[in-house]
Amino acid sequence: MENFQINAEGNLTAYHNDDKRIDKIIVPDGVKYISYAVFREYNINHIVLPNNVEYIGYGAFNGAYICTTATKYITYRGATFNCSGYYNDVHSVIYMIRDKDYSCVLSHNLKYPVILQIYFNDGDDVTTAYIKKNFKKFFIFLTDEIIKNNKNNLSMKYSDIKNAPEIMSNLIKSGKFITKRNIETYVKIADEKECHEVFDMLEEYREENLK
């Protein structure tokens, strides 16, 4: 049986579940603070946090063993990320989402998918401007993810971004990032990486919009 212990200030001080392996936990809306090591003893596939969470205690999602996370996926304000292997960075990602402050130093594998989700969910000026300023990095990242998912190589670590082609297509077609002035740069990248899927997207966009 699941039980959340929440005090009058909205602090989740403890969590109990009869099962140690849990597919999904939805933290109640009234929770504003999550205390230290609340989920430490559980192996959780997915936790959904309420939008009004203001503070997360250090180690709230850490596993019982060093360098592990008790939780695989976290969803916060519509953005879902895989925190496996990033147990020290969970707090930075949460606050990045909350504040839309993209200056934090994080692995691209963790940071870029979250920023792209925020962009497609909200379309706000701050996120759009950040992607536009760093679009070459996002383009290379997504191109590499498409290549990973297309390669039949069991030794390769597959990306969690299974819809990378769709994301790339939507970014190109938005008209906000690819222009007559810069398209050759991106065509060259796609060609050199032999990512024919992205190369074709760019050529199609040029034919339909940049003549």
Protein backbone atom coordinates (compact mmCIF):
# COMPACT_ATOMS: atom_id res chain seq x y z
CA MET A 1 0.00 0.00 0.00
CA GLU A 2 1.27 3.46 -0.93
CA ASN A 3 1.58 6.21 1.67
CA PHE A 4 2.91 9.77 1.45
CA GLN A 5 3.78 11.58 4.68
CA ILE A 6 3.30 15.30 4.03
CA ASN A 7 3.47 17.93 6.77
CA ALA A 8 1.51 21.19 7.02
CA GLU A 9 4.17 23.10 5.04
CA GLY A 10 3.84 20.74 2.09
CA ASN A 11 7.06 18.88 2.85
CA LEU A 12 7.11 15.24 1.73
CA THR A 13 9.03 13.83 4.69
CA ALA A 14 8.61 10.11 4.01
CA TYR A 15 7.24 7.63 1.49
CA HIS A 16 6.12 4.04 2.01
CA ASN A 17 5.10 1.34 -0.41
CA ASP A 18 4.71 -2.37 0.25
CA ASP A 19 6.46 -3.01 -3.08
CA LYS A 20 10.13 -2.13 -3.45
CA ARG A 21 9.96 -2.12 -7.26
CA ILE A 22 7.43 0.42 -8.50
CA ASP A 23 6.49 1.31 -12.08
CA LYS A 24 5.14 4.81 -11.44
CA ILE A 25 4.68 7.25 -8.57
CA ILE A 26 2.60 10.41 -8.92
CA VAL A 27 3.57 12.80 -6.13
CA PRO A 28 0.47 14.66 -4.79
CA ASP A 29 -0.12 18.25 -5.94
CA GLY A 30 0.19 19.67 -2.44
CA VAL A 31 3.86 18.77 -2.15
CA LYS A 32 6.22 21.77 -2.29
CA TYR A 33 9.33 20.21 -0.75
CA ILE A 34 10.83 16.73 -1.05
CA SER A 35 13.04 15.70 1.83
CA TYR A 36 16.42 13.98 1.81
CA ALA A 37 16.51 10.37 0.53
CA VAL A 38 12.71 9.96 0.49
CA PHE A 39 12.74 7.34 -2.29
CA ARG A 40 16.12 5.83 -1.44
CA GLU A 41 14.89 2.33 -0.64
CA TYR A 42 12.82 1.87 -3.79
CA ASN A 43 13.55 0.93 -7.38
CA ILE A 44 11.24 3.24 -9.33
CA ASN A 45 10.78 3.40 -13.07
CA HIS A 46 9.03 6.77 -13.23
CA ILE A 47 8.17 9.61 -10.83
CA VAL A 48 5.86 12.48 -11.78
CA LEU A 49 6.42 15.63 -9.71
CA PRO A 50 3.81 18.36 -9.16
CA ASN A 51 4.42 21.68 -10.90
CA ASN A 52 4.64 23.62 -7.63
CA VAL A 53 7.64 21.75 -6.19
CA GLU A 54 10.01 24.41 -4.87
CA TYR A 55 12.81 22.43 -3.26
CA ILE A 56 14.26 18.93 -3.50
CA GLY A 57 16.48 17.65 -0.73
CA TYR A 58 19.85 16.25 -1.71
CA GLY A 59 19.67 12.54 -2.40
CA ALA A 60 15.89 12.44 -2.69
CA PHE A 61 16.15 10.18 -5.74
CA ASN A 62 19.47 8.51 -4.98
CA GLY A 63 19.64 4.76 -4.72
CA ALA A 64 20.90 2.84 -1.71
CA TYR A 65 24.27 2.36 -3.43
CA ILE A 66 26.67 5.10 -4.39
CA CYS A 67 26.49 6.48 -7.96
CA THR A 68 22.97 5.14 -8.55
CA THR A 69 19.50 6.58 -8.82
CA ALA A 70 16.53 4.86 -7.25
CA THR A 71 14.47 6.44 -10.01
CA LYS A 72 14.94 6.04 -13.78
CA TYR A 73 12.59 8.67 -15.24
CA ILE A 74 11.37 11.92 -13.73
CA THR A 75 8.63 14.10 -15.19
CA TYR A 76 8.39 17.72 -14.09
CA ARG A 77 6.30 20.45 -15.72
CA GLY A 78 5.73 18.33 -18.81
CA ALA A 79 9.39 17.42 -19.38
CA THR A 80 10.58 13.84 -18.83
CA PHE A 81 14.23 12.91 -18.46
CA ASN A 82 16.25 9.78 -17.79
CA CYS A 83 18.28 10.39 -14.64
CA SER A 84 20.03 7.00 -14.65
CA GLY A 85 23.73 7.69 -14.21
CA TYR A 86 23.10 11.37 -13.49
CA TYR A 87 22.27 11.11 -9.80
CA ASN A 88 24.22 14.31 -8.96
CA ASP A 89 22.48 16.34 -11.68
CA VAL A 90 18.80 15.71 -10.89
CA HIS A 91 18.48 18.89 -8.86
CA SER A 92 20.11 21.01 -11.57
CA VAL A 93 17.69 19.66 -14.20
CA ILE A 94 14.66 20.30 -11.98
CA TYR A 95 15.69 23.90 -11.32
CA MET A 96 16.60 24.41 -14.99
CA ILE A 97 13.07 23.39 -15.95
CA ARG A 98 11.50 25.52 -13.22
CA ASP A 99 13.49 28.68 -13.93
CA LYS A 100 14.19 28.17 -17.64
CA ASP A 101 17.80 29.00 -16.85
CA TYR A 102 19.91 27.08 -19.34
CA SER A 103 23.31 28.25 -18.10
CA CYS A 104 23.86 25.13 -15.97
CA VAL A 105 26.62 22.75 -17.04
CA LEU A 106 25.12 19.33 -17.82
CA SER A 107 25.73 16.46 -20.21
CA HIS A 108 24.14 17.16 -23.59
CA ASN A 109 22.41 13.78 -23.33
CA LEU A 110 20.58 15.09 -20.29
CA LYS A 111 20.23 18.79 -21.05
CA TYR A 112 19.26 18.98 -24.72
CA PRO A 113 16.29 16.56 -24.66
CA VAL A 114 14.78 18.49 -21.74
CA ILE A 115 15.23 21.87 -23.44
CA LEU A 116 13.65 20.53 -26.63
CA GLN A 117 10.64 19.27 -24.68
CA ILE A 118 10.23 22.68 -23.04
CA TYR A 119 10.41 24.32 -26.47
CA PHE A 120 7.72 22.09 -27.96
CA ASN A 121 5.54 22.30 -24.84
CA ASP A 122 5.76 26.06 -24.26
CA GLY A 123 7.35 27.71 -27.30
CA ASP A 124 8.49 30.58 -25.07
CA ASP A 125 10.92 33.25 -26.26
CA VAL A 126 13.68 32.35 -23.77
CA THR A 127 13.85 28.70 -24.85
CA THR A 128 13.53 29.54 -28.53
CA ALA A 129 16.36 32.07 -28.28
CA TYR A 130 18.62 29.57 -26.50
CA ILE A 131 18.07 26.89 -29.15
CA LYS A 132 18.59 29.44 -31.93
CA LYS A 133 21.88 30.61 -30.40
CA ASN A 134 23.09 27.03 -30.00
CA PHE A 135 21.31 25.45 -32.96
CA LYS A 136 24.42 23.92 -34.48
CA LYS A 137 25.02 21.97 -31.26
CA PHE A 138 21.40 20.83 -31.14
CA PHE A 139 21.55 19.86 -34.82
CA ILE A 140 24.68 17.75 -34.36
CA PHE A 141 23.25 16.18 -31.20
CA LEU A 142 19.99 15.16 -32.91
CA THR A 143 21.79 13.95 -36.03
CA ASP A 144 23.96 11.70 -33.86
CA GLU A 145 20.88 10.39 -32.04
CA ILE A 146 19.24 9.51 -35.36
CA ILE A 147 22.38 7.68 -36.45
CA LYS A 148 22.50 5.76 -33.15
CA ASN A 149 18.93 4.61 -33.46
CA ASN A 150 19.38 3.59 -37.08
CA LYS A 151 22.52 1.51 -36.52
CA ASN A 152 22.08 -2.20 -35.94
CA ASN A 153 24.80 -2.32 -33.29
CA LEU A 154 23.93 -4.04 -30.04
CA SER A 155 27.07 -2.73 -28.34
CA MET A 156 26.01 0.87 -28.93
CA LYS A 157 24.12 2.71 -26.22
CA TYR A 158 20.80 3.67 -27.74
CA SER A 159 19.30 7.08 -27.10
CA ASP A 160 16.08 7.61 -25.19
CA ILE A 161 15.08 10.03 -27.96
CA LYS A 162 13.25 7.56 -30.16
CA ASN A 163 11.46 10.41 -31.97
CA ALA A 164 14.66 12.28 -32.91
CA PRO A 165 13.72 12.32 -36.65
CA GLU A 166 10.35 13.90 -35.83
CA ILE A 167 12.01 16.49 -33.57
CA MET A 168 14.57 17.34 -36.25
CA SER A 169 11.88 17.61 -38.92
CA ASN A 170 9.78 19.95 -36.76
CA LEU A 171 12.76 22.17 -35.98
CA ILE A 172 13.67 22.44 -39.66
CA LYS A 173 10.09 23.08 -40.80
CA SER A 174 9.48 25.71 -38.12
CA GLY A 175 11.46 28.20 -40.20
CA LYS A 176 13.09 29.62 -37.07
CA PHE A 177 16.49 27.99 -37.35
CA ILE A 178 17.29 27.06 -40.97
CA THR A 179 17.76 29.95 -43.41
CA LYS A 180 19.18 30.54 -46.87
CA ARG A 181 22.26 31.87 -45.17
CA ASN A 182 23.03 28.84 -43.01
CA ILE A 183 21.45 25.84 -44.73
CA GLU A 184 24.66 24.83 -46.51
CA THR A 185 26.38 24.43 -43.12
CA TYR A 186 23.76 21.91 -42.02
CA VAL A 187 23.60 20.11 -45.35
CA LYS A 188 27.37 19.64 -45.13
CA ILE A 189 27.13 18.23 -41.58
CA ALA A 190 24.42 15.76 -42.57
CA ASP A 191 26.37 14.74 -45.66
CA GLU A 192 29.66 14.24 -43.79
CA LYS A 193 27.91 12.14 -41.13
CA GLU A 194 26.16 10.19 -43.90
CA CYS A 195 22.83 10.86 -42.24
CA HIS A 196 20.73 10.67 -45.39
CA GLU A 197 17.48 11.11 -43.48
CA VAL A 198 18.44 14.58 -42.27
CA PHE A 199 20.09 15.46 -45.60
CA ASP A 200 16.78 14.74 -47.35
CA MET A 201 14.83 16.81 -44.80
CA LEU A 202 17.04 19.80 -45.49
CA GLU A 203 16.89 19.46 -49.27
CA GLU A 204 13.10 19.14 -49.14
CA TYR A 205 12.85 22.24 -46.93
CA ARG A 206 15.14 24.19 -49.28
CA GLU A 207 13.11 23.18 -52.33
CA GLU A 208 9.80 24.17 -50.72
CA ASN A 209 10.78 27.27 -48.74
CA LEU A 210 14.15 28.76 -49.68
CA LYS A 211 13.97 29.14 -53.46
